[in-house]
Protein backbone atom coordinates (compact mmCIF):
# COMPACT_ATOMS: atom_id res chain seq x y z
CA MET A 1 63.28 24.70 36.23
CA GLN A 2 61.48 22.44 38.61
CA SER A 3 61.07 18.68 38.08
CA THR A 4 57.82 17.04 38.94
CA VAL A 5 57.28 13.52 40.12
CA PRO A 6 54.03 11.90 39.03
CA THR A 7 51.78 10.89 41.87
CA PHE A 8 49.01 8.31 41.94
CA ASP A 9 45.83 8.45 43.89
CA ASP A 10 44.48 5.21 45.38
CA ASP A 11 42.30 4.33 42.35
CA GLN A 12 45.20 4.69 39.96
CA ALA A 13 47.45 2.63 42.24
CA GLU A 14 44.92 -0.24 42.25
CA ASP A 15 44.66 -0.10 38.45
CA PHE A 16 48.43 -0.13 38.20
CA SER A 17 48.81 -3.15 40.47
CA ALA A 18 46.17 -5.04 38.49
CA ASN A 19 48.16 -4.50 35.28
CA GLU A 20 51.45 -5.77 36.71
CA ASP A 21 53.00 -8.85 35.16
CA PRO A 22 51.76 -12.14 36.62
CA ASP A 23 54.14 -14.27 38.62
CA LEU A 24 56.24 -16.13 36.04
CA SER A 25 57.15 -18.91 38.47
CA ASP A 26 53.73 -20.51 37.89
CA GLN A 27 54.48 -21.10 34.20
CA ASP A 28 55.48 -24.51 32.95
CA PRO A 29 59.21 -24.65 31.98
CA GLN A 30 58.17 -26.61 28.87
CA ASP A 31 56.44 -23.43 27.60
CA GLU A 32 59.79 -21.64 27.53
CA ASP A 33 61.30 -24.39 25.36
CA ASP A 34 58.50 -23.96 22.82
CA ASN A 35 59.59 -20.35 22.23
CA ALA A 36 63.29 -21.22 21.98
CA THR A 37 64.96 -21.66 18.62
CA PRO A 38 65.44 -25.38 17.90
CA THR A 39 68.99 -26.67 17.69
CA ASP A 40 70.68 -29.84 16.46
CA PRO A 41 74.13 -31.22 17.22
CA CYS A 42 76.87 -30.53 14.68
CA PRO A 43 77.79 -33.80 12.87
CA HIS A 44 81.49 -32.86 13.10
CA CYS A 45 82.07 -31.43 16.59
CA GLY A 46 78.80 -32.30 18.36
CA ARG A 47 78.07 -28.80 19.68
CA SER A 48 74.63 -27.20 19.33
CA VAL A 49 73.84 -25.29 16.13
CA TYR A 50 70.58 -23.78 14.95
CA GLU A 51 68.50 -25.99 12.66
CA SER A 52 68.54 -23.32 9.96
CA ALA A 53 72.35 -22.87 10.09
CA GLU A 54 74.34 -23.76 6.99
CA PHE A 55 77.60 -24.26 8.88
CA CYS A 56 78.73 -24.74 12.47
CA HIS A 57 79.92 -21.50 14.04
CA HIS A 58 82.10 -23.51 16.44
CA CYS A 59 84.17 -25.67 14.06
CA GLY A 60 83.41 -23.81 10.79
CA LYS A 61 82.39 -26.91 8.82
CA TYR A 62 79.23 -27.15 6.75
CA ILE A 63 76.38 -29.09 8.35
CA SER A 64 75.50 -31.02 5.18
CA GLN A 65 76.97 -31.63 1.72
CA GLU A 66 74.04 -29.75 0.15
CA ASP A 67 75.00 -26.57 2.03
CA ALA A 68 78.71 -26.80 1.16
CA PRO A 69 79.93 -25.03 -1.96
CA PRO A 70 80.79 -27.39 -4.82
CA ARG A 71 84.40 -28.57 -4.90
CA GLN A 72 86.43 -28.82 -8.07
CA PRO A 73 87.65 -32.33 -8.97
CA TRP A 74 91.37 -33.00 -8.45
CA TRP A 75 92.04 -33.26 -12.18
CA TYR A 76 90.73 -29.70 -12.73
CA SER A 77 93.40 -28.24 -10.44
CA PHE A 78 96.02 -30.52 -11.95
CA GLY A 79 95.03 -29.42 -15.48
CA VAL A 80 95.27 -25.72 -14.61
CA LEU A 81 98.69 -26.24 -13.00
CA PHE A 82 99.89 -28.24 -16.02
CA CYS A 83 98.81 -25.45 -18.41
CA VAL A 84 100.57 -22.78 -16.36
CA VAL A 85 103.81 -24.82 -16.26
CA LEU A 86 103.57 -25.47 -20.01
CA ILE A 87 103.12 -21.74 -20.74
CA VAL A 88 106.07 -20.80 -18.51
CA LEU A 89 108.35 -23.43 -20.12
CA THR A 90 107.30 -22.30 -23.60
CA ALA A 91 108.03 -18.68 -22.74
CA ILE A 92 111.45 -19.62 -21.32
CA GLY A 93 112.25 -21.65 -24.45
CA TYR A 94 111.15 -18.84 -26.75
CA LEU A 95 113.18 -16.21 -24.86
CA THR A 96 116.21 -18.49 -24.84
CA MET A 97 116.02 -18.90 -28.63
CA LEU A 98 115.73 -15.13 -29.11
CA PHE A 99 118.81 -14.35 -27.08
CA MET A 100 120.91 -17.21 -28.52
CA ARG A 101 120.85 -15.79 -32.09
């Protein structure tokens, strides 16, 4: 099997050179910033995060309170712990009464 290399005649070469990318050094650097994704500083660590980000991928904290999941009040956790302790103590008391008879 023989491989072939494409060849261009002079007309094709001129067409090809006319279609080459223009020199990018003539472009304004400000144009590149317009295409970049906008960023803001993280309010906690100060590093750049995307404007659409919900939390900082550097420090792991949420950017705003609205994005953070809701936290339970302290009394909710205390109430759950109190109920669990009450159930355990009741079970211990009940088992103790059963075995004391």
